[in-house]
Amino acid sequence: EHNTEQIYNEIAYPLVESVTEGYNGTIFAYGQTGSGKSFTMQGVVDPSTQKGIIPRAFEHIFESIQCAENAKFLVRASYLEIYNEDIRDLLGADTKQKLE
């Protein structure tokens, strides 16, 4: 019964805040096909309360970087799908290519 804004604030926000302090972070979405994992991670643009965890995390990270003084940042992200024991990089050039 939560929207993605509430999920982000309760679960992902503290993790992303730690990432801005230099820690590694992982958000792992697990569940049955059709249970809403992709929607929770990606969301939709409108209404803004349904923007997903990924766009919210990116906004959070880059806002923190903009506010930081005397610091350098290296930002790397991966978005992987594991389905039927096949792994795919959803940010790669060919999202259908299986990874080893």
Protein backbone atom coordinates (compact mmCIF):
# COMPACT_ATOMS: atom_id res chain seq x y z
CA GLU A 1 0.00 0.00 0.00
CA HIS A 2 3.06 2.27 -0.21
CA ASN A 3 3.95 4.43 -3.17
CA THR A 4 7.53 4.57 -4.44
CA GLU A 5 8.17 7.87 -2.67
CA GLN A 6 7.39 6.27 0.70
CA ILE A 7 9.48 3.19 -0.14
CA TYR A 8 12.42 5.38 -1.14
CA ASN A 9 12.21 7.50 2.00
CA GLU A 10 11.92 4.54 4.36
CA ILE A 11 14.29 2.05 2.75
CA ALA A 12 16.58 3.55 0.11
CA TYR A 13 17.22 7.05 1.48
CA PRO A 14 19.45 5.89 4.39
CA LEU A 15 21.42 3.64 2.03
CA VAL A 16 21.93 6.39 -0.53
CA GLU A 17 22.92 8.79 2.25
CA SER A 18 25.64 6.30 3.25
CA VAL A 19 26.77 6.10 -0.37
CA THR A 20 27.27 9.88 -0.39
CA GLU A 21 29.56 9.35 2.62
CA GLY A 22 31.76 6.91 0.69
CA TYR A 23 30.21 3.52 1.39
CA ASN A 24 29.14 1.03 -1.28
CA GLY A 25 25.44 0.33 -1.49
CA THR A 26 23.18 -2.23 -3.12
CA ILE A 27 19.45 -2.32 -3.53
CA PHE A 28 18.30 -5.83 -4.36
CA ALA A 29 14.75 -6.28 -5.62
CA TYR A 30 13.58 -9.88 -5.41
CA GLY A 31 10.24 -11.48 -6.03
CA GLN A 32 7.92 -13.28 -8.40
CA THR A 33 7.44 -12.20 -11.98
CA GLY A 34 4.82 -9.47 -12.09
CA SER A 35 5.17 -8.50 -8.42
CA GLY A 36 6.29 -4.91 -9.16
CA LYS A 37 10.10 -5.03 -8.89
CA SER A 38 10.75 -3.14 -12.15
CA PHE A 39 8.05 -0.61 -11.40
CA THR A 40 9.46 0.01 -7.91
CA MET A 41 12.97 0.44 -9.30
CA GLN A 42 12.09 2.47 -12.42
CA GLY A 43 8.67 3.93 -11.72
CA VAL A 44 6.96 6.46 -13.96
CA VAL A 45 7.58 10.17 -14.40
CA ASP A 46 4.01 11.29 -13.71
CA PRO A 47 2.76 11.41 -11.02
CA SER A 48 6.05 12.26 -9.32
CA THR A 49 5.09 10.19 -6.27
CA GLN A 50 5.53 7.12 -8.51
CA LYS A 51 9.05 7.96 -9.68
CA GLY A 52 11.16 4.86 -9.01
CA ILE A 53 14.01 4.21 -6.62
CA ILE A 54 16.69 4.53 -9.34
CA PRO A 55 15.79 8.06 -10.53
CA ARG A 56 15.31 9.16 -6.91
CA ALA A 57 18.70 7.76 -5.93
CA PHE A 58 20.41 9.47 -8.88
CA GLU A 59 18.81 12.80 -7.96
CA HIS A 60 19.83 12.35 -4.32
CA ILE A 61 23.44 11.45 -5.20
CA PHE A 62 23.96 14.27 -7.70
CA GLU A 63 22.34 16.86 -5.43
CA SER A 64 24.75 15.80 -2.67
CA ILE A 65 27.69 16.08 -5.07
CA GLN A 66 26.59 19.57 -6.12
CA CYS A 67 26.51 20.69 -2.48
CA ALA A 68 29.85 19.14 -1.55
CA GLU A 69 32.92 21.32 -1.24
CA ASN A 70 36.56 20.23 -1.56
CA ALA A 71 35.66 16.69 -2.55
CA LYS A 72 35.95 14.52 -5.65
CA PHE A 73 33.47 11.82 -6.52
CA LEU A 74 33.52 8.76 -8.74
CA VAL A 75 30.00 7.58 -9.50
CA ARG A 76 29.44 4.10 -10.92
CA ALA A 77 26.15 2.29 -11.18
CA SER A 78 25.00 -1.07 -12.45
CA TYR A 79 21.50 -2.33 -13.09
CA LEU A 80 21.43 -6.08 -13.52
CA GLU A 81 18.63 -8.51 -14.18
CA ILE A 82 18.93 -12.11 -13.04
CA TYR A 83 16.22 -14.25 -14.57
CA ASN A 84 16.26 -18.04 -15.04
CA GLU A 85 19.93 -18.02 -14.05
CA ASP A 86 20.76 -15.60 -16.89
CA ILE A 87 22.35 -12.24 -16.00
CA ARG A 88 21.86 -9.16 -18.16
CA ASP A 89 23.23 -5.64 -17.82
CA LEU A 90 20.21 -3.37 -18.23
CA LEU A 91 22.43 -0.30 -18.65
CA GLY A 92 24.59 -1.94 -21.35
CA ALA A 93 24.44 -1.30 -25.07
CA ASP A 94 22.77 -4.68 -25.69
CA THR A 95 20.37 -5.47 -22.85
CA LYS A 96 19.61 -8.89 -24.35
CA GLN A 97 23.26 -10.03 -24.15
CA LYS A 98 23.85 -12.53 -21.35
CA LEU A 99 26.77 -11.99 -18.99
CA GLU A 100 28.96 -14.76 -17.64
